[in-house]
């Protein structure tokens, strides 16, 4: 590579690395919260998970409705691990999109919004 090529690569690295790394860095607390949420459900602590949801969510979905949703989506109770391939942050909301894997290896797509 000539000097211009090296400069172009260096500038690209300075721009691209923060663009890739920063969203993952700033969404780490959201990822931890999402994991705790799913772990609580898997451990049978549905009410605790519900209480950790945002006030906006609790306003539109009563606990009974949420508990029924968990019952109808049994895979949530078999949660093992989450992997979020897309993370974004705007204003006060982090959006995580990815998959949760259950104890028997099944994968389910999820999108989680956290305030």
PDB file of N, CA and C in Angstrom:
ATOM      1  N   UNK A   1       0.839  -1.188   0.000  1.00  0.00           N
ATOM      2  CA  UNK A   1       0.000   0.000   0.000  1.00  0.00           C
ATOM      3  C   UNK A   1       0.879   1.245   0.000  1.00  0.00           C
ATOM      4  N   UNK A   2       0.442   2.251  -0.742  1.00  0.00           N
ATOM      5  CA  UNK A   2       1.166   3.519  -0.717  1.00  0.00           C
ATOM      6  C   UNK A   2       0.692   4.364   0.455  1.00  0.00           C
ATOM      7  N   UNK A   3       1.281   5.537   0.637  1.00  0.00           N
ATOM      8  CA  UNK A   3       0.954   6.387   1.789  1.00  0.00           C
ATOM      9  C   UNK A   3      -0.508   6.813   1.783  1.00  0.00           C
ATOM     10  N   UNK A   4      -1.068   7.097   0.628  1.00  0.00           N
ATOM     11  CA  UNK A   4      -2.473   7.515   0.542  1.00  0.00           C
ATOM     12  C   UNK A   4      -3.383   6.364   0.968  1.00  0.00           C
ATOM     13  N   UNK A   5      -3.077   5.164   0.527  1.00  0.00           N
ATOM     14  CA  UNK A   5      -3.871   3.995   0.905  1.00  0.00           C
ATOM     15  C   UNK A   5      -3.848   3.755   2.397  1.00  0.00           C
ATOM     16  N   UNK A   6      -2.681   3.925   3.012  1.00  0.00           N
ATOM     17  CA  UNK A   6      -2.553   3.746   4.452  1.00  0.00           C
ATOM     18  C   UNK A   6      -3.366   4.799   5.190  1.00  0.00           C
ATOM     19  N   UNK A   7      -3.313   6.051   4.720  1.00  0.00           N
ATOM     20  CA  UNK A   7      -4.084   7.129   5.346  1.00  0.00           C
ATOM     21  C   UNK A   7      -5.576   6.849   5.229  1.00  0.00           C
ATOM     22  N   UNK A   8      -6.028   6.396   4.071  1.00  0.00           N
ATOM     23  CA  UNK A   8      -7.447   6.085   3.864  1.00  0.00           C
ATOM     24  C   UNK A   8      -7.883   4.961   4.799  1.00  0.00           C
ATOM     25  N   UNK A   9      -7.067   3.930   4.922  1.00  0.00           N
ATOM     26  CA  UNK A   9      -7.399   2.830   5.836  1.00  0.00           C
ATOM     27  C   UNK A   9      -7.438   3.305   7.288  1.00  0.00           C
ATOM     28  N   UNK A  10      -6.504   4.154   7.671  1.00  0.00           N
ATOM     29  CA  UNK A  10      -6.478   4.671   9.039  1.00  0.00           C
ATOM     30  C   UNK A  10      -7.720   5.505   9.329  1.00  0.00           C
ATOM     31  N   UNK A  11      -8.107   6.359   8.388  1.00  0.00           N
ATOM     32  CA  UNK A  11      -9.305   7.190   8.568  1.00  0.00           C
ATOM     33  C   UNK A  11     -10.547   6.305   8.635  1.00  0.00           C
ATOM     34  N   UNK A  12     -10.621   5.315   7.778  1.00  0.00           N
ATOM     35  CA  UNK A  12     -11.766   4.398   7.791  1.00  0.00           C
ATOM     36  C   UNK A  12     -11.845   3.668   9.124  1.00  0.00           C
ATOM     37  N   UNK A  13     -10.708   3.246   9.663  1.00  0.00           N
ATOM     38  CA  UNK A  13     -10.697   2.553  10.948  1.00  0.00           C
ATOM     39  C   UNK A  13     -11.168   3.477  12.064  1.00  0.00           C
ATOM     40  N   UNK A  14     -10.733   4.724  12.024  1.00  0.00           N
ATOM     41  CA  UNK A  14     -11.127   5.692  13.055  1.00  0.00           C
ATOM     42  C   UNK A  14     -12.630   5.939  13.011  1.00  0.00           C
ATOM     43  N   UNK A  15     -13.214   5.883  11.843  1.00  0.00           N
ATOM     44  CA  UNK A  15     -14.654   6.114  11.695  1.00  0.00           C
ATOM     45  C   UNK A  15     -15.446   4.838  11.979  1.00  0.00           C
ATOM     46  N   UNK A  16     -15.018   3.724  11.425  1.00  0.00           N
ATOM     47  CA  UNK A  16     -15.795   2.489  11.518  1.00  0.00           C
ATOM     48  C   UNK A  16     -15.743   1.822  12.891  1.00  0.00           C
ATOM     49  N   UNK A  17     -14.592   1.799  13.509  1.00  0.00           N
ATOM     50  CA  UNK A  17     -14.482   1.098  14.798  1.00  0.00           C
ATOM     51  C   UNK A  17     -15.427   1.701  15.835  1.00  0.00           C
ATOM     52  N   UNK A  18     -15.426   3.039  16.043  1.00  0.00           N
ATOM     53  CA  UNK A  18     -16.408   3.580  17.003  1.00  0.00           C
ATOM     54  C   UNK A  18     -17.856   3.336  16.575  1.00  0.00           C
ATOM     55  N   UNK A  19     -18.125   3.375  15.274  1.00  0.00           N
ATOM     56  CA  UNK A  19     -19.491   3.167  14.796  1.00  0.00           C
ATOM     57  C   UNK A  19     -19.978   1.752  15.107  1.00  0.00           C
ATOM     58  N   UNK A  20     -19.065   0.813  15.170  1.00  0.00           N
ATOM     59  CA  UNK A  20     -19.430  -0.573  15.473  1.00  0.00           C
ATOM     60  C   UNK A  20     -19.407  -0.825  16.984  1.00  0.00           C
ATOM     61  N   UNK A  21     -18.398  -0.325  17.652  1.00  0.00           N
ATOM     62  CA  UNK A  21     -18.193  -0.625  19.068  1.00  0.00           C
ATOM     63  C   UNK A  21     -19.125   0.166  19.985  1.00  0.00           C
ATOM     64  N   UNK A  22     -19.330   1.448  19.722  1.00  0.00           N
ATOM     65  CA  UNK A  22     -20.108   2.298  20.631  1.00  0.00           C
ATOM     66  C   UNK A  22     -21.536   1.823  20.857  1.00  0.00           C
ATOM     67  N   UNK A  23     -22.277   1.433  19.805  1.00  0.00           N
ATOM     68  CA  UNK A  23     -23.641   0.941  20.083  1.00  0.00           C
ATOM     69  C   UNK A  23     -23.648  -0.267  21.020  1.00  0.00           C
ATOM     70  N   UNK A  24     -22.666  -1.164  20.875  1.00  0.00           N
ATOM     71  CA  UNK A  24     -22.601  -2.324  21.759  1.00  0.00           C
ATOM     72  C   UNK A  24     -22.220  -1.905  23.172  1.00  0.00           C
ATOM     73  N   UNK A  25     -21.326  -0.938  23.301  1.00  0.00           N
ATOM     74  CA  UNK A  25     -20.922  -0.450  24.618  1.00  0.00           C
ATOM     75  C   UNK A  25     -22.095   0.210  25.344  1.00  0.00           C
ATOM     76  N   UNK A  26     -22.786   1.113  24.663  1.00  0.00           N
ATOM     77  CA  UNK A  26     -23.860   1.864  25.309  1.00  0.00           C
ATOM     78  C   UNK A  26     -25.116   1.043  25.560  1.00  0.00           C
ATOM     79  N   UNK A  27     -25.256  -0.091  24.890  1.00  0.00           N
ATOM     80  CA  UNK A  27     -26.441  -0.920  25.105  1.00  0.00           C
ATOM     81  C   UNK A  27     -26.179  -2.075  26.071  1.00  0.00           C
ATOM     82  N   UNK A  28     -24.976  -2.192  26.624  1.00  0.00           N
ATOM     83  CA  UNK A  28     -24.685  -3.274  27.568  1.00  0.00           C
ATOM     84  C   UNK A  28     -25.641  -3.302  28.763  1.00  0.00           C
ATOM     85  N   UNK A  29     -25.959  -2.146  29.388  1.00  0.00           N
ATOM     86  CA  UNK A  29     -26.929  -2.206  30.493  1.00  0.00           C
ATOM     87  C   UNK A  29     -28.293  -2.735  30.037  1.00  0.00           C
ATOM     88  N   UNK A  30     -28.698  -2.390  28.820  1.00  0.00           N
ATOM     89  CA  UNK A  30     -29.972  -2.884  28.293  1.00  0.00           C
ATOM     90  C   UNK A  30     -29.916  -4.395  28.090  1.00  0.00           C
ATOM     91  N   UNK A  31     -28.797  -4.895  27.602  1.00  0.00           N
ATOM     92  CA  UNK A  31     -28.638  -6.337  27.405  1.00  0.00           C
ATOM     93  C   UNK A  31     -28.721  -7.051  28.752  1.00  0.00           C
ATOM     94  N   UNK A  32     -28.054  -6.509  29.768  1.00  0.00           N
ATOM     95  CA  UNK A  32     -28.127  -7.115  31.109  1.00  0.00           C
ATOM     96  C   UNK A  32     -29.573  -7.132  31.612  1.00  0.00           C
ATOM     97  N   UNK A  33     -30.283  -6.021  31.424  1.00  0.00           N
ATOM     98  CA  UNK A  33     -31.678  -5.946  31.876  1.00  0.00           C
ATOM     99  C   UNK A  33     -32.550  -6.954  31.144  1.00  0.00           C
ATOM    100  N   UNK A  34     -32.354  -7.086  29.837  1.00  0.00           N
ATOM    101  CA  UNK A  34     -33.142  -8.054  29.061  1.00  0.00           C
ATOM    102  C   UNK A  34     -32.862  -9.474  29.532  1.00  0.00           C
ATOM    103  N   UNK A  35     -31.601  -9.786  29.778  1.00  0.00           N
ATOM    104  CA  UNK A  35     -31.259 -11.125  30.266  1.00  0.00           C
ATOM    105  C   UNK A  35     -31.888 -11.400  31.616  1.00  0.00           C
ATOM    106  N   UNK A  36     -31.845 -10.439  32.517  1.00  0.00           N
ATOM    107  CA  UNK A  36     -32.462 -10.601  33.837  1.00  0.00           C
ATOM    108  C   UNK A  36     -33.963 -10.820  33.690  1.00  0.00           C
ATOM    109  N   UNK A  37     -34.589 -10.070  32.792  1.00  0.00           N
ATOM    110  CA  UNK A  37     -36.019 -10.201  32.532  1.00  0.00           C
ATOM    111  C   UNK A  37     -36.363 -11.641  32.129  1.00  0.00           C
ATOM    112  N   UNK A  38     -35.628 -12.174  31.131  1.00  0.00           N
ATOM    113  CA  UNK A  38     -35.895 -13.537  30.665  1.00  0.00           C
ATOM    114  C   UNK A  38     -35.519 -14.575  31.724  1.00  0.00           C
ATOM    115  N   UNK A  39     -34.448 -14.343  32.479  1.00  0.00           N
ATOM    116  CA  UNK A  39     -34.057 -15.265  33.547  1.00  0.00           C
ATOM    117  C   UNK A  39     -35.140 -15.329  34.623  1.00  0.00           C
ATOM    118  N   UNK A  40     -35.716 -14.168  34.955  1.00  0.00           N
ATOM    119  CA  UNK A  40     -36.795 -14.151  35.951  1.00  0.00           C
ATOM    120  C   UNK A  40     -37.985 -14.973  35.480  1.00  0.00           C
ATOM    121  N   UNK A  41     -38.337 -14.826  34.223  1.00  0.00           N
ATOM    122  CA  UNK A  41     -39.467 -15.600  33.688  1.00  0.00           C
ATOM    123  C   UNK A  41     -39.152 -17.091  33.757  1.00  0.00           C
ATOM    124  N   UNK A  42     -37.948 -17.465  33.329  1.00  0.00           N
ATOM    125  CA  UNK A  42     -37.560 -18.876  33.327  1.00  0.00           C
ATOM    126  C   UNK A  42     -37.550 -19.461  34.734  1.00  0.00           C
ATOM    127  N   UNK A  43     -37.251 -18.625  35.727  1.00  0.00           N
ATOM    128  CA  UNK A  43     -37.211 -19.086  37.119  1.00  0.00           C
ATOM    129  C   UNK A  43     -38.574 -19.025  37.789  1.00  0.00           C
ATOM    130  N   UNK A  44     -39.609 -18.672  37.016  1.00  0.00           N
ATOM    131  CA  UNK A  44     -40.956 -18.620  37.576  1.00  0.00           C
ATOM    132  C   UNK A  44     -41.279 -17.312  38.280  1.00  0.00           C
ATOM    133  N   UNK A  45     -40.405 -16.325  38.145  1.00  0.00           N
ATOM    134  CA  UNK A  45     -40.630 -15.019  38.783  1.00  0.00           C
ATOM    135  C   UNK A  45     -41.284 -14.057  37.789  1.00  0.00           C
ATOM    136  N   UNK A  46     -42.442 -14.447  37.296  1.00  0.00           N
ATOM    137  CA  UNK A  46     -43.141 -13.676  36.272  1.00  0.00           C
ATOM    138  C   UNK A  46     -43.538 -12.298  36.797  1.00  0.00           C
ATOM    139  N   UNK A  47     -44.016 -12.253  38.030  1.00  0.00           N
ATOM    140  CA  UNK A  47     -44.424 -10.968  38.592  1.00  0.00           C
ATOM    141  C   UNK A  47     -43.218 -10.032  38.749  1.00  0.00           C
ATOM    142  N   UNK A  48     -42.089 -10.568  39.138  1.00  0.00           N
ATOM    143  CA  UNK A  48     -40.870  -9.747  39.259  1.00  0.00           C
ATOM    144  C   UNK A  48     -40.468  -9.199  37.892  1.00  0.00           C
ATOM    145  N   UNK A  49     -40.500 -10.054  36.876  1.00  0.00           N
ATOM    146  CA  UNK A  49     -40.170  -9.612  35.518  1.00  0.00           C
ATOM    147  C   UNK A  49     -41.130  -8.510  35.077  1.00  0.00           C
ATOM    148  N   UNK A  50     -42.391  -8.717  35.350  1.00  0.00           N
ATOM    149  CA  UNK A  50     -43.409  -7.726  34.987  1.00  0.00           C
ATOM    150  C   UNK A  50     -43.144  -6.399  35.685  1.00  0.00           C
ATOM    151  N   UNK A  51     -42.813  -6.451  36.962  1.00  0.00           N
ATOM    152  CA  UNK A  51     -42.574  -5.223  37.724  1.00  0.00           C
ATOM    153  C   UNK A  51     -41.332  -4.477  37.252  1.00  0.00           C
ATOM    154  N   UNK A  52     -40.429  -5.164  36.586  1.00  0.00           N
ATOM    155  CA  UNK A  52     -39.231  -4.519  36.044  1.00  0.00           C
ATOM    156  C   UNK A  52     -39.478  -3.944  34.649  1.00  0.00           C
ATOM    157  N   UNK A  53     -40.634  -4.224  34.083  1.00  0.00           N
ATOM    158  CA  UNK A  53     -40.988  -3.650  32.782  1.00  0.00           C
ATOM    159  C   UNK A  53     -41.252  -2.157  32.953  1.00  0.00           C
ATOM    160  N   UNK A  54     -41.229  -1.448  31.853  1.00  0.00           N
ATOM    161  CA  UNK A  54     -41.432   0.002  31.918  1.00  0.00           C
ATOM    162  C   UNK A  54     -42.855   0.331  32.366  1.00  0.00           C
ATOM    163  N   UNK A  55     -43.029   1.490  32.977  1.00  0.00           N
ATOM    164  CA  UNK A  55     -44.381   1.915  33.354  1.00  0.00           C
ATOM    165  C   UNK A  55     -45.317   1.968  32.146  1.00  0.00           C
ATOM    166  N   UNK A  56     -44.804   2.368  31.000  1.00  0.00           N
ATOM    167  CA  UNK A  56     -45.639   2.432  29.791  1.00  0.00           C
ATOM    168  C   UNK A  56     -46.167   1.044  29.427  1.00  0.00           C
ATOM    169  N   UNK A  57     -45.299   0.016  29.542  1.00  0.00           N
ATOM    170  CA  UNK A  57     -45.728  -1.348  29.245  1.00  0.00           C
ATOM    171  C   UNK A  57     -46.772  -1.804  30.253  1.00  0.00           C
ATOM    172  N   UNK A  58     -46.499  -1.565  31.538  1.00  0.00           N
ATOM    173  CA  UNK A  58     -47.436  -2.004  32.578  1.00  0.00           C
ATOM    174  C   UNK A  58     -48.777  -1.288  32.469  1.00  0.00           C
ATOM    175  N   UNK A  59     -48.757  -0.103  31.918  1.00  0.00           N
ATOM    176  CA  UNK A  59     -50.003   0.650  31.750  1.00  0.00           C
ATOM    177  C   UNK A  59     -50.919   0.008  30.704  1.00  0.00           C
ATOM    178  N   UNK A  60     -50.321  -0.550  29.660  1.00  0.00           N
ATOM    179  CA  UNK A  60     -51.145  -1.138  28.590  1.00  0.00           C
ATOM    180  C   UNK A  60     -51.373  -2.638  28.755  1.00  0.00           C
ATOM    181  N   UNK A  61     -50.551  -3.277  29.602  1.00  0.00           N
ATOM    182  CA  UNK A  61     -50.686  -4.721  29.787  1.00  0.00           C
ATOM    183  C   UNK A  61     -50.718  -5.043  31.274  1.00  0.00           C
ATOM    184  N   UNK A  62     -51.880  -5.373  31.807  1.00  0.00           N
ATOM    185  CA  UNK A  62     -51.962  -5.760  33.215  1.00  0.00           C
ATOM    186  C   UNK A  62     -51.168  -7.050  33.480  1.00  0.00           C
ATOM    187  N   UNK A  63     -50.797  -7.275  34.719  1.00  0.00           N
ATOM    188  CA  UNK A  63     -50.023  -8.458  35.102  1.00  0.00           C
ATOM    189  C   UNK A  63     -50.692  -9.739  34.621  1.00  0.00           C
ATOM    190  N   UNK A  64     -51.993  -9.831  34.762  1.00  0.00           N
ATOM    191  CA  UNK A  64     -52.699 -11.057  34.358  1.00  0.00           C
ATOM    192  C   UNK A  64     -52.516 -11.330  32.863  1.00  0.00           C
ATOM    193  N   UNK A  65     -52.573 -10.277  32.062  1.00  0.00           N
ATOM    194  CA  UNK A  65     -52.380 -10.424  30.617  1.00  0.00           C
ATOM    195  C   UNK A  65     -50.959 -10.873  30.308  1.00  0.00           C
ATOM    196  N   UNK A  66     -49.994 -10.272  30.998  1.00  0.00           N
ATOM    197  CA  UNK A  66     -48.596 -10.629  30.798  1.00  0.00           C
ATOM    198  C   UNK A  66     -48.366 -12.088  31.183  1.00  0.00           C
ATOM    199  N   UNK A  67     -48.902 -12.495  32.328  1.00  0.00           N
ATOM    200  CA  UNK A  67     -48.756 -13.881  32.789  1.00  0.00           C
ATOM    201  C   UNK A  67     -49.376 -14.852  31.781  1.00  0.00           C
ATOM    202  N   UNK A  68     -50.510 -14.478  31.213  1.00  0.00           N
ATOM    203  CA  UNK A  68     -51.155 -15.315  30.197  1.00  0.00           C
ATOM    204  C   UNK A  68     -50.279 -15.409  28.942  1.00  0.00           C
ATOM    205  N   UNK A  69     -49.667 -14.290  28.547  1.00  0.00           N
ATOM    206  CA  UNK A  69     -48.765 -14.278  27.394  1.00  0.00           C
ATOM    207  C   UNK A  69     -47.597 -15.244  27.625  1.00  0.00           C
ATOM    208  N   UNK A  70     -47.036 -15.217  28.833  1.00  0.00           N
ATOM    209  CA  UNK A  70     -45.930 -16.118  29.154  1.00  0.00           C
ATOM    210  C   UNK A  70     -46.406 -17.569  29.080  1.00  0.00           C
ATOM    211  N   UNK A  71     -47.587 -17.853  29.592  1.00  0.00           N
ATOM    212  CA  UNK A  71     -48.129 -19.215  29.540  1.00  0.00           C
ATOM    213  C   UNK A  71     -48.327 -19.676  28.099  1.00  0.00           C
ATOM    214  N   UNK A  72     -48.779 -18.786  27.244  1.00  0.00           N
ATOM    215  CA  UNK A  72     -49.032 -19.134  25.841  1.00  0.00           C
ATOM    216  C   UNK A  72     -47.742 -19.239  25.036  1.00  0.00           C
ATOM    217  N   UNK A  73     -46.680 -18.655  25.535  1.00  0.00           N
ATOM    218  CA  UNK A  73     -45.385 -18.695  24.852  1.00  0.00           C
ATOM    219  C   UNK A  73     -44.392 -19.415  25.766  1.00  0.00           C
ATOM    220  N   UNK A  74     -44.632 -20.706  25.921  1.00  0.00           N
ATOM    221  CA  UNK A  74     -43.882 -21.562  26.854  1.00  0.00           C
ATOM    222  C   UNK A  74     -42.377 -21.453  26.716  1.00  0.00           C
ATOM    223  N   UNK A  75     -41.892 -21.174  25.514  1.00  0.00           N
ATOM    224  CA  UNK A  75     -40.452 -21.110  25.301  1.00  0.00           C
ATOM    225  C   UNK A  75     -39.789 -20.093  26.226  1.00  0.00           C
ATOM    226  N   UNK A  76     -40.526 -19.056  26.633  1.00  0.00           N
ATOM    227  CA  UNK A  76     -39.960 -18.046  27.520  1.00  0.00           C
ATOM    228  C   UNK A  76     -39.586 -18.660  28.873  1.00  0.00           C
ATOM    229  N   UNK A  77     -40.301 -19.695  29.262  1.00  0.00           N
ATOM    230  CA  UNK A  77     -40.029 -20.345  30.541  1.00  0.00           C
ATOM    231  C   UNK A  77     -38.852 -21.312  30.441  1.00  0.00           C
ATOM    232  N   UNK A  78     -38.391 -21.564  29.211  1.00  0.00           N
ATOM    233  CA  UNK A  78     -37.250 -22.461  29.009  1.00  0.00           C
ATOM    234  C   UNK A  78     -36.004 -21.672  28.572  1.00  0.00           C
ATOM    235  N   UNK A  79     -36.016 -20.373  28.805  1.00  0.00           N
ATOM    236  CA  UNK A  79     -34.915 -19.493  28.412  1.00  0.00           C
ATOM    237  C   UNK A  79     -33.576 -19.993  28.972  1.00  0.00           C
ATOM    238  N   UNK A  80     -32.566 -19.968  28.107  1.00  0.00           N
ATOM    239  CA  UNK A  80     -31.213 -20.326  28.524  1.00  0.00           C
ATOM    240  C   UNK A  80     -30.250 -19.160  28.304  1.00  0.00           C
ATOM    241  N   UNK A  81     -30.287 -18.610  27.081  1.00  0.00           N
ATOM    242  CA  UNK A  81     -29.353 -17.536  26.745  1.00  0.00           C
ATOM    243  C   UNK A  81     -29.950 -16.656  25.655  1.00  0.00           C
ATOM    244  N   UNK A  82     -29.534 -15.390  25.641  1.00  0.00           N
ATOM    245  CA  UNK A  82     -29.982 -14.458  24.600  1.00  0.00           C
ATOM    246  C   UNK A  82     -28.784 -13.983  23.803  1.00  0.00           C
ATOM    247  N   UNK A  83     -29.011 -13.729  22.540  1.00  0.00           N
ATOM    248  CA  UNK A  83     -27.994 -13.170  21.662  1.00  0.00           C
ATOM    249  C   UNK A  83     -28.654 -12.074  20.845  1.00  0.00           C
ATOM    250  N   UNK A  84     -28.180 -10.851  21.004  1.00  0.00           N
ATOM    251  CA  UNK A  84     -28.781  -9.714  20.317  1.00  0.00           C
ATOM    252  C   UNK A  84     -27.858  -9.252  19.195  1.00  0.00           C
ATOM    253  N   UNK A  85     -28.277  -9.513  17.960  1.00  0.00           N
ATOM    254  CA  UNK A  85     -27.452  -9.196  16.792  1.00  0.00           C
ATOM    255  C   UNK A  85     -27.602  -7.746  16.356  1.00  0.00           C
ATOM    256  N   UNK A  86     -28.658  -7.106  16.791  1.00  0.00           N
ATOM    257  CA  UNK A  86     -28.886  -5.703  16.440  1.00  0.00           C
ATOM    258  C   UNK A  86     -29.222  -4.940  17.709  1.00  0.00           C
ATOM    259  N   UNK A  87     -28.491  -3.842  17.906  1.00  0.00           N
ATOM    260  CA  UNK A  87     -28.715  -3.002  19.089  1.00  0.00           C
ATOM    261  C   UNK A  87     -28.727  -1.555  18.637  1.00  0.00           C
ATOM    262  N   UNK A  88     -29.716  -0.819  19.108  1.00  0.00           N
ATOM    263  CA  UNK A  88     -29.756   0.603  18.772  1.00  0.00           C
ATOM    264  C   UNK A  88     -30.237   1.380  19.983  1.00  0.00           C
ATOM    265  N   UNK A  89     -29.900   2.643  19.986  1.00  0.00           N
ATOM    266  CA  UNK A  89     -30.260   3.500  21.106  1.00  0.00           C
ATOM    267  C   UNK A  89     -30.707   4.830  20.539  1.00  0.00           C
ATOM    268  N   UNK A  90     -31.919   5.256  20.899  1.00  0.00           N
ATOM    269  CA  UNK A  90     -32.384   6.570  20.468  1.00  0.00           C
ATOM    270  C   UNK A  90     -33.136   7.212  21.622  1.00  0.00           C
ATOM    271  N   UNK A  91     -32.831   8.458  21.848  1.00  0.00           N
ATOM    272  CA  UNK A  91     -33.399   9.196  22.978  1.00  0.00           C
ATOM    273  C   UNK A  91     -33.218   8.373  24.247  1.00  0.00           C
ATOM    274  N   UNK A  92     -34.281   7.883  24.837  1.00  0.00           N
ATOM    275  CA  UNK A  92     -34.153   7.131  26.089  1.00  0.00           C
ATOM    276  C   UNK A  92     -34.507   5.657  25.925  1.00  0.00           C
ATOM    277  N   UNK A  93     -34.567   5.164  24.693  1.00  0.00           N
ATOM    278  CA  UNK A  93     -34.977   3.784  24.447  1.00  0.00           C
ATOM    279  C   UNK A  93     -33.882   2.992  23.747  1.00  0.00           C
ATOM    280  N   UNK A  94     -33.561   1.841  24.305  1.00  0.00           N
ATOM    281  CA  UNK A  94     -32.648   0.901  23.651  1.00  0.00           C
ATOM    282  C   UNK A  94     -33.501  -0.198  23.032  1.00  0.00           C
ATOM    283  N   UNK A  95     -33.218  -0.528  21.794  1.00  0.00           N
ATOM    284  CA  UNK A  95     -33.926  -1.606  21.111  1.00  0.00           C
ATOM    285  C   UNK A  95     -32.932  -2.720  20.815  1.00  0.00           C
ATOM    286  N   UNK A  96     -33.259  -3.912  21.269  1.00  0.00           N
ATOM    287  CA  UNK A  96     -32.422  -5.088  21.066  1.00  0.00           C
ATOM    288  C   UNK A  96     -33.200  -6.082  20.214  1.00  0.00           C
ATOM    289  N   UNK A  97     -32.577  -6.568  19.174  1.00  0.00           N
ATOM    290  CA  UNK A  97     -33.206  -7.568  18.309  1.00  0.00           C
ATOM    291  C   UNK A  97     -32.261  -8.753  18.207  1.00  0.00           C
ATOM    292  N   UNK A  98     -32.811  -9.932  18.384  1.00  0.00           N
ATOM    293  CA  UNK A  98     -31.968 -11.119  18.302  1.00  0.00           C
ATOM    294  C   UNK A  98     -32.766 -12.379  18.544  1.00  0.00           C
ATOM    295  N   UNK A  99     -32.112 -13.322  19.206  1.00  0.00           N
ATOM    296  CA  UNK A  99     -32.752 -14.613  19.461  1.00  0.00           C
ATOM    297  C   UNK A  99     -32.505 -15.027  20.907  1.00  0.00           C
ATOM    298  N   UNK A 100     -33.503 -15.729  21.448  1.00  0.00           N
ATOM    299  CA  UNK A 100     -33.260 -16.397  22.716  1.00  0.00           C
ATOM    300  C   UNK A 100     -33.203 -17.887  22.413  1.00  0.00           C
ATOM    301  N   UNK A 101     -32.331 -18.560  23.137  1.00  0.00           N
ATOM    302  CA  UNK A 101     -32.175 -20.000  22.988  1.00  0.00           C
ATOM    303  C   UNK A 101     -32.692 -20.658  24.256  1.00  0.00           C
ATOM    304  N   UNK A 102     -33.458 -21.709  24.078  1.00  0.00           N
ATOM    305  CA  UNK A 102     -34.026 -22.431  25.219  1.00  0.00           C
ATOM    306  C   UNK A 102     -33.083 -23.561  25.625  1.00  0.00           C
ATOM    307  N   UNK A 103     -33.394 -24.171  26.751  1.00  0.00           N
ATOM    308  CA  UNK A 103     -32.579 -25.258  27.261  1.00  0.00           C
ATOM    309  C   UNK A 103     -32.471 -26.441  26.324  1.00  0.00           C
ATOM    310  N   UNK A 104     -33.455 -26.625  25.455  1.00  0.00           N
ATOM    311  CA  UNK A 104     -33.381 -27.750  24.511  1.00  0.00           C
ATOM    312  C   UNK A 104     -32.880 -27.319  23.131  1.00  0.00           C
ATOM    313  N   UNK A 105     -32.312 -26.102  23.041  1.00  0.00           N
ATOM    314  CA  UNK A 105     -31.663 -25.659  21.805  1.00  0.00           C
ATOM    315  C   UNK A 105     -32.555 -24.937  20.813  1.00  0.00           C
ATOM    316  N   UNK A 106     -33.831 -24.806  21.098  1.00  0.00           N
ATOM    317  CA  UNK A 106     -34.711 -24.069  20.190  1.00  0.00           C
ATOM    318  C   UNK A 106     -34.367 -22.590  20.234  1.00  0.00           C
ATOM    319  N   UNK A 107     -34.503 -21.922  19.096  1.00  0.00           N
ATOM    320  CA  UNK A 107     -34.221 -20.486  19.017  1.00  0.00           C
ATOM    321  C   UNK A 107     -35.488 -19.740  18.606  1.00  0.00           C
ATOM    322  N   UNK A 108     -35.711 -18.604  19.259  1.00  0.00           N
ATOM    323  CA  UNK A 108     -36.882 -17.775  18.985  1.00  0.00           C
ATOM    324  C   UNK A 108     -36.447 -16.331  18.813  1.00  0.00           C
ATOM    325  N   UNK A 109     -36.974 -15.691  17.776  1.00  0.00           N
ATOM    326  CA  UNK A 109     -36.662 -14.293  17.530  1.00  0.00           C
ATOM    327  C   UNK A 109     -37.381 -13.413  18.547  1.00  0.00           C
ATOM    328  N   UNK A 110     -36.661 -12.394  19.023  1.00  0.00           N
ATOM    329  CA  UNK A 110     -37.239 -11.448  19.981  1.00  0.00           C
ATOM    330  C   UNK A 110     -36.784 -10.037  19.645  1.00  0.00           C
ATOM    331  N   UNK A 111     -37.610  -9.093  20.031  1.00  0.00           N
ATOM    332  CA  UNK A 111     -37.235  -7.684  19.989  1.00  0.00           C
ATOM    333  C   UNK A 111     -37.644  -7.098  21.330  1.00  0.00           C
ATOM    334  N   UNK A 112     -36.704  -6.440  21.973  1.00  0.00           N
ATOM    335  CA  UNK A 112     -36.924  -5.894  23.306  1.00  0.00           C
ATOM    336  C   UNK A 112     -36.651  -4.408  23.274  1.00  0.00           C
ATOM    337  N   UNK A 113     -37.606  -3.619  23.753  1.00  0.00           N
ATOM    338  CA  UNK A 113     -37.427  -2.172  23.905  1.00  0.00           C
ATOM    339  C   UNK A 113     -37.305  -1.874  25.387  1.00  0.00           C
ATOM    340  N   UNK A 114     -36.258  -1.146  25.737  1.00  0.00           N
ATOM    341  CA  UNK A 114     -36.027  -0.795  27.144  1.00  0.00           C
ATOM    342  C   UNK A 114     -35.846   0.703  27.257  1.00  0.00           C
ATOM    343  N   UNK A 115     -36.412   1.261  28.307  1.00  0.00           N
ATOM    344  CA  UNK A 115     -36.247   2.699  28.561  1.00  0.00           C
ATOM    345  C   UNK A 115     -35.213   2.898  29.646  1.00  0.00           C
TER     346      UNK A 115
END
